[in-house]
Amino acid sequence: MLLGGVLYVYKGEWGLPSIDFDCLRALCLVKFTRCPLQIDTNVNPMRSSTGKLPYIQIGTERFCGYREIKKMLDKEGFAIDAKLQVKHELLSPAYANWVFTNLHSYYNYFMYGEPNNFDTTRSLYAKRTMFPLNFFYPSSYQREACDIVMVMSGFDPRDKLENHDSDSLTINAKKCVNLLSKKLGKKVWFFGDVFSEFDAIVYSYLAILFKTTLPNNPLQNHIKGCQNLVNFINRITKDIFKNEAFNSVKAIKSQSSNDPLLTATERHFLESEKKTKILAGIGAVVAMGTFAAWRGVYKQFSNSKRYYDGLEYEDDDTLEDDEMD
């Protein structure tokens, strides 16, 4: 059933395979279990029933959102927790809920709710969304994030900045990171030598919060102080998402789609960017040519009209004299 299936996600940045938490979780489900799905980052999110990415399309059937994707993969024999021991299989969702409680509000506030940060986040989503959706679509994430923060943390990011209780979010997030570092220790995965959904969730939160360049992100330096978590993030990014990782700075500096150091995603980005520039150039030339031609015809018509209005014909004068006689 999965043959020919495609997972649609947002393109990454900072060397990550995606800029979005849910997309990154879905990518982990697919890549950890080696599910034979293609990955596509050029898509209209409105094709999803949720209006957002990620989603999987197999033939005419679509599985939209992280929960539907996981449910479908579990059914098809690609369960991410399949190799866990029974006790760890029971612990994994409990740990995941604990991380969700401590990191989800922080993630949504500092990615979408913090006024100084949202310009960066808006730009990231706008560049990955087709015109004209890119003008208003990123704001839908902000509205949802504000509702999440209001429910989970008791303040509305849309209020004045002095009413934002960001300190408590930061304190809880730092405590959570400390406990995660202690839990991971020197192990490869959180439950030993076998990956789990918990690993995917932790990676998706921490990788974005660690790699994102934001004006205000107090957790970033705190994660840097936990070397085992940094190694955990870098190892997964490098070993598992080598082909999907993307860095726009690297792609722009290279300026060549034949560079052997470019990943497949970066090479595809450069090729699509060239096509976009060519089409934009052609469109601009056609528009300017059409406008210039219209102006020329209009000007000629106006001049001829003024010239005609200023002419006096002898026949007209003769006709007037005859009528008077």
C-alpha atoms as a PDB file:
ATOM      1  CA  MET A   1       0.000   0.000   0.000  1.00  0.00           C
ATOM      2  CA  LEU A   2       2.845   2.408   0.812  1.00  0.00           C
ATOM      3  CA  LEU A   3       4.518   2.058  -2.583  1.00  0.00           C
ATOM      4  CA  GLY A   4       4.274   5.384  -4.378  1.00  0.00           C
ATOM      5  CA  GLY A   5       3.229   7.178  -1.205  1.00  0.00           C
ATOM      6  CA  VAL A   6       4.513  10.681  -0.502  1.00  0.00           C
ATOM      7  CA  LEU A   7       5.005  12.505   2.786  1.00  0.00           C
ATOM      8  CA  TYR A   8       4.530  16.259   2.386  1.00  0.00           C
ATOM      9  CA  VAL A   9       6.323  18.500   4.880  1.00  0.00           C
ATOM     10  CA  TYR A  10       7.753  21.985   5.168  1.00  0.00           C
ATOM     11  CA  LYS A  11      11.293  22.412   3.932  1.00  0.00           C
ATOM     12  CA  GLY A  12      13.912  22.677   6.655  1.00  0.00           C
ATOM     13  CA  GLU A  13      16.415  25.299   7.725  1.00  0.00           C
ATOM     14  CA  TRP A  14      19.568  25.509   9.884  1.00  0.00           C
ATOM     15  CA  GLY A  15      20.590  22.064   8.644  1.00  0.00           C
ATOM     16  CA  LEU A  16      17.315  20.460   9.821  1.00  0.00           C
ATOM     17  CA  PRO A  17      14.908  18.543   7.552  1.00  0.00           C
ATOM     18  CA  SER A  18      11.926  20.733   8.515  1.00  0.00           C
ATOM     19  CA  ILE A  19      11.148  23.975  10.346  1.00  0.00           C
ATOM     20  CA  ASP A  20       7.908  22.607  11.810  1.00  0.00           C
ATOM     21  CA  PHE A  21       7.454  20.471  14.936  1.00  0.00           C
ATOM     22  CA  ASP A  22       4.704  18.198  13.585  1.00  0.00           C
ATOM     23  CA  CYS A  23       6.495  17.769  10.264  1.00  0.00           C
ATOM     24  CA  LEU A  24       9.691  16.857  12.074  1.00  0.00           C
ATOM     25  CA  ARG A  25       7.845  14.269  14.190  1.00  0.00           C
ATOM     26  CA  ALA A  26       6.289  12.745  11.080  1.00  0.00           C
ATOM     27  CA  LEU A  27       9.689  12.613   9.380  1.00  0.00           C
ATOM     28  CA  CYS A  28      11.075  10.777  12.397  1.00  0.00           C
ATOM     29  CA  LEU A  29       8.292   8.183  12.169  1.00  0.00           C
ATOM     30  CA  VAL A  30       9.141   7.547   8.530  1.00  0.00           C
ATOM     31  CA  LYS A  31      12.928   7.659   8.701  1.00  0.00           C
ATOM     32  CA  PHE A  32      13.393   5.800  11.997  1.00  0.00           C
ATOM     33  CA  THR A  33      11.309   2.870  10.748  1.00  0.00           C
ATOM     34  CA  ARG A  34      12.730   3.068   7.193  1.00  0.00           C
ATOM     35  CA  CYS A  35       9.255   3.357   5.736  1.00  0.00           C
ATOM     36  CA  PRO A  36       9.423   3.446   1.893  1.00  0.00           C
ATOM     37  CA  LEU A  37       7.795   6.837   1.418  1.00  0.00           C
ATOM     38  CA  GLN A  38       9.012   9.681  -0.757  1.00  0.00           C
ATOM     39  CA  ILE A  39       9.434  13.067   0.905  1.00  0.00           C
ATOM     40  CA  ASP A  40       8.278  16.255  -0.820  1.00  0.00           C
ATOM     41  CA  THR A  41       8.696  19.824   0.449  1.00  0.00           C
ATOM     42  CA  ASN A  42       6.998  21.651  -2.453  1.00  0.00           C
ATOM     43  CA  VAL A  43       3.293  21.532  -1.712  1.00  0.00           C
ATOM     44  CA  ASN A  44       0.227  23.638  -0.996  1.00  0.00           C
ATOM     45  CA  PRO A  45      -0.755  23.013   2.676  1.00  0.00           C
ATOM     46  CA  MET A  46      -4.394  23.738   1.821  1.00  0.00           C
ATOM     47  CA  ARG A  47      -4.548  20.366   0.076  1.00  0.00           C
ATOM     48  CA  SER A  48      -4.547  18.795   3.523  1.00  0.00           C
ATOM     49  CA  SER A  49      -7.899  18.370   5.261  1.00  0.00           C
ATOM     50  CA  THR A  50      -6.381  20.086   8.313  1.00  0.00           C
ATOM     51  CA  GLY A  51      -5.118  22.987   6.216  1.00  0.00           C
ATOM     52  CA  LYS A  52      -1.609  22.289   7.465  1.00  0.00           C
ATOM     53  CA  LEU A  53       1.326  19.992   6.918  1.00  0.00           C
ATOM     54  CA  PRO A  54       2.277  17.188   7.301  1.00  0.00           C
ATOM     55  CA  TYR A  55       0.180  14.752   5.337  1.00  0.00           C
ATOM     56  CA  ILE A  56       0.730  11.524   3.413  1.00  0.00           C
ATOM     57  CA  GLN A  57      -0.869  10.832   0.063  1.00  0.00           C
ATOM     58  CA  ILE A  58      -1.114   7.303  -1.317  1.00  0.00           C
ATOM     59  CA  GLY A  59      -3.029   7.254  -4.571  1.00  0.00           C
ATOM     60  CA  THR A  60      -6.182   9.259  -3.924  1.00  0.00           C
ATOM     61  CA  GLU A  61      -6.124   8.653  -0.168  1.00  0.00           C
ATOM     62  CA  ARG A  62      -4.705  11.230   2.237  1.00  0.00           C
ATOM     63  CA  PHE A  63      -3.659  10.882   5.863  1.00  0.00           C
ATOM     64  CA  CYS A  64      -3.490  14.353   7.370  1.00  0.00           C
ATOM     65  CA  GLY A  65      -1.829  15.359  10.609  1.00  0.00           C
ATOM     66  CA  TYR A  66       0.602  13.548  12.876  1.00  0.00           C
ATOM     67  CA  ARG A  67      -1.960  11.307  14.590  1.00  0.00           C
ATOM     68  CA  GLU A  68      -3.458   9.957  11.371  1.00  0.00           C
ATOM     69  CA  ILE A  69       0.001   9.406   9.937  1.00  0.00           C
ATOM     70  CA  LYS A  70       1.171   7.467  12.990  1.00  0.00           C
ATOM     71  CA  LYS A  71      -2.016   5.413  13.084  1.00  0.00           C
ATOM     72  CA  MET A  72      -1.628   4.480   9.421  1.00  0.00           C
ATOM     73  CA  LEU A  73       2.063   3.577   9.800  1.00  0.00           C
ATOM     74  CA  ASP A  74       1.323   1.436  12.862  1.00  0.00           C
ATOM     75  CA  LYS A  75      -1.340  -0.412  10.885  1.00  0.00           C
ATOM     76  CA  GLU A  76       1.035  -0.967   7.955  1.00  0.00           C
ATOM     77  CA  GLY A  77       3.722  -2.532  10.147  1.00  0.00           C
ATOM     78  CA  PHE A  78       5.934   0.521  10.677  1.00  0.00           C
ATOM     79  CA  ALA A  79       5.204   1.144  14.362  1.00  0.00           C
ATOM     80  CA  ILE A  80       7.977   3.244  15.855  1.00  0.00           C
ATOM     81  CA  ASP A  81       7.710   1.548  19.279  1.00  0.00           C
ATOM     82  CA  ALA A  82       7.575  -1.993  17.886  1.00  0.00           C
ATOM     83  CA  LYS A  83      11.037  -2.974  19.180  1.00  0.00           C
ATOM     84  CA  LEU A  84      10.637  -1.570  22.686  1.00  0.00           C
ATOM     85  CA  GLN A  85      10.391  -3.796  25.728  1.00  0.00           C
ATOM     86  CA  VAL A  86       6.913  -3.947  27.235  1.00  0.00           C
ATOM     87  CA  LYS A  87       7.773  -1.751  30.237  1.00  0.00           C
ATOM     88  CA  HIS A  88       9.418   0.841  28.005  1.00  0.00           C
ATOM     89  CA  GLU A  89       6.483   0.735  25.624  1.00  0.00           C
ATOM     90  CA  LEU A  90       4.262   1.734  28.536  1.00  0.00           C
ATOM     91  CA  LEU A  91       6.672   4.402  29.746  1.00  0.00           C
ATOM     92  CA  SER A  92       7.173   6.065  26.357  1.00  0.00           C
ATOM     93  CA  PRO A  93       3.769   7.833  26.142  1.00  0.00           C
ATOM     94  CA  ALA A  94       3.989   8.832  29.814  1.00  0.00           C
ATOM     95  CA  TYR A  95       7.357  10.485  29.267  1.00  0.00           C
ATOM     96  CA  ALA A  96       6.044  12.075  26.079  1.00  0.00           C
ATOM     97  CA  ASN A  97       3.123  13.661  27.967  1.00  0.00           C
ATOM     98  CA  TRP A  98       5.527  14.991  30.586  1.00  0.00           C
ATOM     99  CA  VAL A  99       7.714  16.614  27.929  1.00  0.00           C
ATOM    100  CA  PHE A 100       4.611  18.007  26.211  1.00  0.00           C
ATOM    101  CA  THR A 101       3.488  19.633  29.470  1.00  0.00           C
ATOM    102  CA  ASN A 102       6.845  21.340  30.045  1.00  0.00           C
ATOM    103  CA  LEU A 103       8.006  22.224  26.532  1.00  0.00           C
ATOM    104  CA  HIS A 104       4.928  22.729  24.398  1.00  0.00           C
ATOM    105  CA  SER A 105       3.967  26.110  25.888  1.00  0.00           C
ATOM    106  CA  TYR A 106       7.561  27.315  25.681  1.00  0.00           C
ATOM    107  CA  TYR A 107       7.847  26.176  22.064  1.00  0.00           C
ATOM    108  CA  ASN A 108       4.602  27.851  20.977  1.00  0.00           C
ATOM    109  CA  TYR A 109       5.285  31.071  22.855  1.00  0.00           C
ATOM    110  CA  PHE A 110       8.853  31.644  21.717  1.00  0.00           C
ATOM    111  CA  MET A 111       8.266  30.448  18.144  1.00  0.00           C
ATOM    112  CA  TYR A 112       4.940  32.198  17.477  1.00  0.00           C
ATOM    113  CA  GLY A 113       3.781  34.310  20.428  1.00  0.00           C
ATOM    114  CA  GLU A 114       6.871  36.320  21.377  1.00  0.00           C
ATOM    115  CA  PRO A 115       6.544  39.586  19.394  1.00  0.00           C
ATOM    116  CA  ASN A 116      10.252  39.915  18.602  1.00  0.00           C
ATOM    117  CA  ASN A 117      10.495  36.323  17.377  1.00  0.00           C
ATOM    118  CA  PHE A 118       7.426  36.011  15.193  1.00  0.00           C
ATOM    119  CA  ASP A 119       8.876  38.069  12.349  1.00  0.00           C
ATOM    120  CA  THR A 120      11.522  35.340  11.943  1.00  0.00           C
ATOM    121  CA  THR A 121       8.963  32.541  12.154  1.00  0.00           C
ATOM    122  CA  ARG A 122       6.549  34.306   9.802  1.00  0.00           C
ATOM    123  CA  SER A 123       9.299  34.678   7.218  1.00  0.00           C
ATOM    124  CA  LEU A 124      10.199  30.984   7.429  1.00  0.00           C
ATOM    125  CA  TYR A 125       6.634  29.834   6.789  1.00  0.00           C
ATOM    126  CA  ALA A 126       5.929  32.511   4.186  1.00  0.00           C
ATOM    127  CA  LYS A 127       8.907  31.444   2.067  1.00  0.00           C
ATOM    128  CA  ARG A 128       7.588  27.875   2.103  1.00  0.00           C
ATOM    129  CA  THR A 129       3.995  28.747   1.225  1.00  0.00           C
ATOM    130  CA  MET A 130       2.712  29.543  -2.243  1.00  0.00           C
ATOM    131  CA  PHE A 131       1.405  32.964  -3.268  1.00  0.00           C
ATOM    132  CA  PRO A 132      -0.976  34.455  -2.137  1.00  0.00           C
ATOM    133  CA  LEU A 133      -1.333  32.203   0.935  1.00  0.00           C
ATOM    134  CA  ASN A 134       2.074  33.338   2.166  1.00  0.00           C
ATOM    135  CA  PHE A 135       0.616  36.737   3.144  1.00  0.00           C
ATOM    136  CA  PHE A 136      -1.833  35.442   5.738  1.00  0.00           C
ATOM    137  CA  TYR A 137      -1.164  31.721   6.261  1.00  0.00           C
ATOM    138  CA  PRO A 138       1.641  32.095   8.890  1.00  0.00           C
ATOM    139  CA  SER A 139      -0.754  34.067  11.089  1.00  0.00           C
ATOM    140  CA  SER A 140      -2.930  30.957  11.485  1.00  0.00           C
ATOM    141  CA  TYR A 141      -0.045  29.325  13.363  1.00  0.00           C
ATOM    142  CA  GLN A 142       0.271  32.365  15.583  1.00  0.00           C
ATOM    143  CA  ARG A 143      -3.425  32.348  16.475  1.00  0.00           C
ATOM    144  CA  GLU A 144      -3.325  28.648  17.343  1.00  0.00           C
ATOM    145  CA  ALA A 145      -0.145  29.096  19.392  1.00  0.00           C
ATOM    146  CA  CYS A 146      -1.666  31.959  21.362  1.00  0.00           C
ATOM    147  CA  ASP A 147      -4.656  29.782  22.253  1.00  0.00           C
ATOM    148  CA  ILE A 148      -2.332  26.967  23.381  1.00  0.00           C
ATOM    149  CA  VAL A 149      -0.287  29.285  25.591  1.00  0.00           C
ATOM    150  CA  MET A 150      -3.422  30.841  27.054  1.00  0.00           C
ATOM    151  CA  VAL A 151      -4.860  27.425  27.992  1.00  0.00           C
ATOM    152  CA  MET A 152      -1.626  25.825  29.224  1.00  0.00           C
ATOM    153  CA  SER A 153       0.083  28.819  30.859  1.00  0.00           C
ATOM    154  CA  GLY A 154      -2.678  31.245  31.802  1.00  0.00           C
ATOM    155  CA  PHE A 155      -1.693  34.332  29.780  1.00  0.00           C
ATOM    156  CA  ASP A 156      -2.459  35.581  26.303  1.00  0.00           C
ATOM    157  CA  PRO A 157       0.549  36.468  24.102  1.00  0.00           C
ATOM    158  CA  ARG A 158      -1.693  39.008  22.357  1.00  0.00           C
ATOM    159  CA  ASP A 159      -1.768  41.099  25.557  1.00  0.00           C
ATOM    160  CA  LYS A 160       0.851  43.694  26.392  1.00  0.00           C
ATOM    161  CA  LEU A 161       4.395  42.351  26.753  1.00  0.00           C
ATOM    162  CA  GLU A 162       4.547  43.148  30.490  1.00  0.00           C
ATOM    163  CA  ASN A 163       1.670  40.693  31.034  1.00  0.00           C
ATOM    164  CA  HIS A 164       3.580  37.777  29.484  1.00  0.00           C
ATOM    165  CA  ASP A 165       4.720  35.265  32.094  1.00  0.00           C
ATOM    166  CA  SER A 166       7.604  34.010  29.978  1.00  0.00           C
ATOM    167  CA  ASP A 167       9.890  33.495  32.987  1.00  0.00           C
ATOM    168  CA  SER A 168       7.827  30.582  34.309  1.00  0.00           C
ATOM    169  CA  LEU A 169       7.834  28.989  30.851  1.00  0.00           C
ATOM    170  CA  THR A 170      11.619  29.278  30.721  1.00  0.00           C
ATOM    171  CA  ILE A 171      12.118  27.860  34.228  1.00  0.00           C
ATOM    172  CA  ASN A 172       9.941  24.806  33.513  1.00  0.00           C
ATOM    173  CA  ALA A 173      11.607  24.245  30.144  1.00  0.00           C
ATOM    174  CA  LYS A 174      15.103  24.385  31.653  1.00  0.00           C
ATOM    175  CA  LYS A 175      14.136  21.909  34.374  1.00  0.00           C
ATOM    176  CA  CYS A 176      12.744  19.610  31.702  1.00  0.00           C
ATOM    177  CA  VAL A 177      15.941  19.826  29.645  1.00  0.00           C
ATOM    178  CA  ASN A 178      18.046  19.042  32.736  1.00  0.00           C
ATOM    179  CA  LEU A 179      15.993  15.929  33.469  1.00  0.00           C
ATOM    180  CA  LEU A 180      16.129  14.853  29.827  1.00  0.00           C
ATOM    181  CA  SER A 181      19.911  15.165  29.867  1.00  0.00           C
ATOM    182  CA  LYS A 182      20.051  13.087  33.023  1.00  0.00           C
ATOM    183  CA  LYS A 183      17.671  10.495  31.567  1.00  0.00           C
ATOM    184  CA  LEU A 184      19.650  10.157  28.340  1.00  0.00           C
ATOM    185  CA  GLY A 185      23.042   9.927  30.035  1.00  0.00           C
ATOM    186  CA  LYS A 186      25.500   8.212  27.712  1.00  0.00           C
ATOM    187  CA  LYS A 187      22.906   6.099  25.931  1.00  0.00           C
ATOM    188  CA  VAL A 188      22.261   6.251  22.188  1.00  0.00           C
ATOM    189  CA  TRP A 189      18.486   6.450  22.671  1.00  0.00           C
ATOM    190  CA  PHE A 190      16.458   7.277  25.758  1.00  0.00           C
ATOM    191  CA  PHE A 191      15.499   3.622  26.271  1.00  0.00           C
ATOM    192  CA  GLY A 192      18.909   2.190  25.465  1.00  0.00           C
ATOM    193  CA  ASP A 193      19.808   0.865  22.026  1.00  0.00           C
ATOM    194  CA  VAL A 194      16.275   1.026  20.573  1.00  0.00           C
ATOM    195  CA  PHE A 195      14.574   4.161  19.247  1.00  0.00           C
ATOM    196  CA  SER A 196      11.055   5.149  20.292  1.00  0.00           C
ATOM    197  CA  GLU A 197       8.397   7.773  19.708  1.00  0.00           C
ATOM    198  CA  PHE A 198       9.749   9.526  22.782  1.00  0.00           C
ATOM    199  CA  ASP A 199      13.096  10.002  21.016  1.00  0.00           C
ATOM    200  CA  ALA A 200      11.271  11.463  18.012  1.00  0.00           C
ATOM    201  CA  ILE A 201       9.327  13.917  20.189  1.00  0.00           C
ATOM    202  CA  VAL A 202      12.360  15.076  22.163  1.00  0.00           C
ATOM    203  CA  TYR A 203      14.407  15.494  18.981  1.00  0.00           C
ATOM    204  CA  SER A 204      11.626  17.477  17.290  1.00  0.00           C
ATOM    205  CA  TYR A 205      11.321  19.940  20.182  1.00  0.00           C
ATOM    206  CA  LEU A 206      14.996  20.353  21.013  1.00  0.00           C
ATOM    207  CA  ALA A 207      16.369  20.380  17.460  1.00  0.00           C
ATOM    208  CA  ILE A 208      14.194  23.349  16.474  1.00  0.00           C
ATOM    209  CA  LEU A 209      14.723  25.241  19.730  1.00  0.00           C
ATOM    210  CA  PHE A 210      18.477  24.584  19.590  1.00  0.00           C
ATOM    211  CA  LYS A 211      19.052  25.343  15.906  1.00  0.00           C
ATOM    212  CA  THR A 212      16.601  28.221  15.324  1.00  0.00           C
ATOM    213  CA  THR A 213      18.065  31.707  15.118  1.00  0.00           C
ATOM    214  CA  LEU A 214      15.667  33.836  17.155  1.00  0.00           C
ATOM    215  CA  PRO A 215      16.164  37.244  18.812  1.00  0.00           C
ATOM    216  CA  ASN A 216      14.901  35.861  22.112  1.00  0.00           C
ATOM    217  CA  ASN A 217      15.366  32.173  22.948  1.00  0.00           C
ATOM    218  CA  PRO A 218      16.755  31.627  26.475  1.00  0.00           C
ATOM    219  CA  LEU A 219      16.575  27.831  26.180  1.00  0.00           C
ATOM    220  CA  GLN A 220      19.065  27.714  23.306  1.00  0.00           C
ATOM    221  CA  ASN A 221      22.134  28.397  25.446  1.00  0.00           C
ATOM    222  CA  HIS A 222      20.816  26.074  28.139  1.00  0.00           C
ATOM    223  CA  ILE A 223      20.640  23.205  25.647  1.00  0.00           C
ATOM    224  CA  LYS A 224      24.200  24.009  24.566  1.00  0.00           C
ATOM    225  CA  GLY A 225      25.281  23.298  28.131  1.00  0.00           C
ATOM    226  CA  CYS A 226      23.899  19.738  27.906  1.00  0.00           C
ATOM    227  CA  GLN A 227      26.480  18.148  25.630  1.00  0.00           C
ATOM    228  CA  ASN A 228      24.814  14.743  25.489  1.00  0.00           C
ATOM    229  CA  LEU A 229      21.599  16.343  24.179  1.00  0.00           C
ATOM    230  CA  VAL A 230      23.579  18.343  21.621  1.00  0.00           C
ATOM    231  CA  ASN A 231      25.248  15.106  20.482  1.00  0.00           C
ATOM    232  CA  PHE A 232      21.817  13.443  20.349  1.00  0.00           C
ATOM    233  CA  ILE A 233      20.456  16.216  18.085  1.00  0.00           C
ATOM    234  CA  ASN A 234      23.503  16.353  15.820  1.00  0.00           C
ATOM    235  CA  ARG A 235      23.757  12.574  15.453  1.00  0.00           C
ATOM    236  CA  ILE A 236      20.133  12.176  14.324  1.00  0.00           C
ATOM    237  CA  THR A 237      20.369  15.178  12.001  1.00  0.00           C
ATOM    238  CA  LYS A 238      23.594  13.982  10.403  1.00  0.00           C
ATOM    239  CA  ASP A 239      23.010  10.225  10.250  1.00  0.00           C
ATOM    240  CA  ILE A 240      19.266   9.923   9.656  1.00  0.00           C
ATOM    241  CA  PHE A 241      18.375  13.153   7.849  1.00  0.00           C
ATOM    242  CA  LYS A 242      21.485  13.619   5.759  1.00  0.00           C
ATOM    243  CA  ASN A 243      19.553  13.834   2.471  1.00  0.00           C
ATOM    244  CA  GLU A 244      16.656  15.912   3.827  1.00  0.00           C
ATOM    245  CA  ALA A 245      18.675  18.510   5.756  1.00  0.00           C
ATOM    246  CA  PHE A 246      18.559  22.039   4.367  1.00  0.00           C
ATOM    247  CA  ASN A 247      20.481  25.252   5.013  1.00  0.00           C
ATOM    248  CA  SER A 248      19.561  28.267   2.892  1.00  0.00           C
ATOM    249  CA  VAL A 249      22.814  30.092   3.698  1.00  0.00           C
ATOM    250  CA  LYS A 250      24.844  27.166   2.433  1.00  0.00           C
ATOM    251  CA  ALA A 251      22.663  26.874  -0.664  1.00  0.00           C
ATOM    252  CA  ILE A 252      22.965  30.572  -1.498  1.00  0.00           C
ATOM    253  CA  LYS A 253      26.716  30.677  -0.953  1.00  0.00           C
ATOM    254  CA  SER A 254      27.279  27.653  -3.138  1.00  0.00           C
ATOM    255  CA  GLN A 255      25.365  29.189  -6.082  1.00  0.00           C
ATOM    256  CA  SER A 256      25.784  25.943  -7.964  1.00  0.00           C
ATOM    257  CA  SER A 257      23.432  22.974  -8.209  1.00  0.00           C
ATOM    258  CA  ASN A 258      26.386  20.794  -9.201  1.00  0.00           C
ATOM    259  CA  ASP A 259      28.214  21.281  -5.912  1.00  0.00           C
ATOM    260  CA  PRO A 260      28.851  17.763  -4.519  1.00  0.00           C
ATOM    261  CA  LEU A 261      28.516  19.090  -0.953  1.00  0.00           C
ATOM    262  CA  LEU A 262      24.882  20.050  -1.463  1.00  0.00           C
ATOM    263  CA  THR A 263      22.173  17.772  -0.142  1.00  0.00           C
ATOM    264  CA  ALA A 264      19.383  16.618  -2.439  1.00  0.00           C
ATOM    265  CA  THR A 265      16.996  19.103  -0.821  1.00  0.00           C
ATOM    266  CA  GLU A 266      19.396  22.022  -1.270  1.00  0.00           C
ATOM    267  CA  ARG A 267      20.065  21.076  -4.884  1.00  0.00           C
ATOM    268  CA  HIS A 268      16.321  20.896  -5.556  1.00  0.00           C
ATOM    269  CA  PHE A 269      15.851  24.271  -3.877  1.00  0.00           C
ATOM    270  CA  LEU A 270      18.452  25.917  -6.121  1.00  0.00           C
ATOM    271  CA  GLU A 271      16.944  24.401  -9.250  1.00  0.00           C
ATOM    272  CA  SER A 272      13.420  25.511  -8.305  1.00  0.00           C
ATOM    273  CA  GLU A 273      14.725  28.958  -7.340  1.00  0.00           C
ATOM    274  CA  LYS A 274      16.309  29.382 -10.790  1.00  0.00           C
ATOM    275  CA  LYS A 275      13.048  28.383 -12.487  1.00  0.00           C
ATOM    276  CA  THR A 276      11.120  30.831 -10.287  1.00  0.00           C
ATOM    277  CA  LYS A 277      13.496  33.680 -11.147  1.00  0.00           C
ATOM    278  CA  ILE A 278      13.273  32.904 -14.867  1.00  0.00           C
ATOM    279  CA  LEU A 279       9.465  32.817 -14.796  1.00  0.00           C
ATOM    280  CA  ALA A 280       9.361  35.996 -12.722  1.00  0.00           C
ATOM    281  CA  GLY A 281      11.697  37.702 -15.196  1.00  0.00           C
ATOM    282  CA  ILE A 282       9.602  36.641 -18.178  1.00  0.00           C
ATOM    283  CA  GLY A 283       6.442  37.798 -16.437  1.00  0.00           C
ATOM    284  CA  ALA A 284       8.001  41.168 -15.613  1.00  0.00           C
ATOM    285  CA  VAL A 285       9.182  41.692 -19.202  1.00  0.00           C
ATOM    286  CA  VAL A 286       5.750  40.795 -20.615  1.00  0.00           C
ATOM    287  CA  ALA A 287       4.005  43.077 -18.132  1.00  0.00           C
ATOM    288  CA  MET A 288       6.328  46.003 -18.846  1.00  0.00           C
ATOM    289  CA  GLY A 289       6.081  45.439 -22.607  1.00  0.00           C
ATOM    290  CA  THR A 290       2.298  45.346 -22.478  1.00  0.00           C
ATOM    291  CA  PHE A 291       2.172  48.491 -20.369  1.00  0.00           C
ATOM    292  CA  ALA A 292       4.651  50.307 -22.634  1.00  0.00           C
ATOM    293  CA  ALA A 293       2.671  49.330 -25.733  1.00  0.00           C
ATOM    294  CA  TRP A 294      -0.566  50.493 -24.148  1.00  0.00           C
ATOM    295  CA  ARG A 295       1.009  53.800 -23.140  1.00  0.00           C
ATOM    296  CA  GLY A 296       2.359  54.288 -26.668  1.00  0.00           C
ATOM    297  CA  VAL A 297      -1.015  53.690 -28.301  1.00  0.00           C
ATOM    298  CA  TYR A 298      -2.787  55.908 -25.791  1.00  0.00           C
ATOM    299  CA  LYS A 299      -0.257  58.711 -26.216  1.00  0.00           C
ATOM    300  CA  GLN A 300      -0.496  58.498 -30.017  1.00  0.00           C
ATOM    301  CA  PHE A 301      -4.257  58.581 -29.822  1.00  0.00           C
ATOM    302  CA  SER A 302      -4.200  61.601 -27.496  1.00  0.00           C
ATOM    303  CA  ASN A 303      -1.750  63.502 -29.701  1.00  0.00           C
ATOM    304  CA  SER A 304      -3.770  62.803 -32.838  1.00  0.00           C
ATOM    305  CA  LYS A 305      -6.897  64.006 -31.097  1.00  0.00           C
ATOM    306  CA  ARG A 306      -5.256  67.261 -30.019  1.00  0.00           C
ATOM    307  CA  TYR A 307      -3.851  67.720 -33.530  1.00  0.00           C
ATOM    308  CA  TYR A 308      -7.222  67.108 -35.107  1.00  0.00           C
ATOM    309  CA  ASP A 309      -8.996  69.516 -32.723  1.00  0.00           C
ATOM    310  CA  GLY A 310      -6.596  72.303 -33.684  1.00  0.00           C
ATOM    311  CA  LEU A 311      -7.014  71.956 -37.472  1.00  0.00           C
ATOM    312  CA  GLU A 312      -9.131  74.250 -39.616  1.00  0.00           C
ATOM    313  CA  TYR A 313     -10.266  73.070 -43.012  1.00  0.00           C
ATOM    314  CA  GLU A 314     -10.986  75.369 -45.890  1.00  0.00           C
ATOM    315  CA  ASP A 315     -13.961  73.205 -46.868  1.00  0.00           C
ATOM    316  CA  ASP A 316     -15.522  73.862 -43.498  1.00  0.00           C
ATOM    317  CA  ASP A 317     -15.198  77.628 -43.959  1.00  0.00           C
ATOM    318  CA  THR A 318     -16.583  77.466 -47.516  1.00  0.00           C
ATOM    319  CA  LEU A 319     -19.508  75.386 -46.255  1.00  0.00           C
ATOM    320  CA  GLU A 320     -20.245  77.898 -43.534  1.00  0.00           C
ATOM    321  CA  ASP A 321     -20.094  80.812 -46.059  1.00  0.00           C
ATOM    322  CA  ASP A 322     -22.467  79.010 -48.418  1.00  0.00           C
ATOM    323  CA  GLU A 323     -24.930  78.422 -45.621  1.00  0.00           C
ATOM    324  CA  MET A 324     -24.814  82.086 -44.669  1.00  0.00           C
ATOM    325  CA  ASP A 325     -25.462  83.126 -48.307  1.00  0.00           C
END
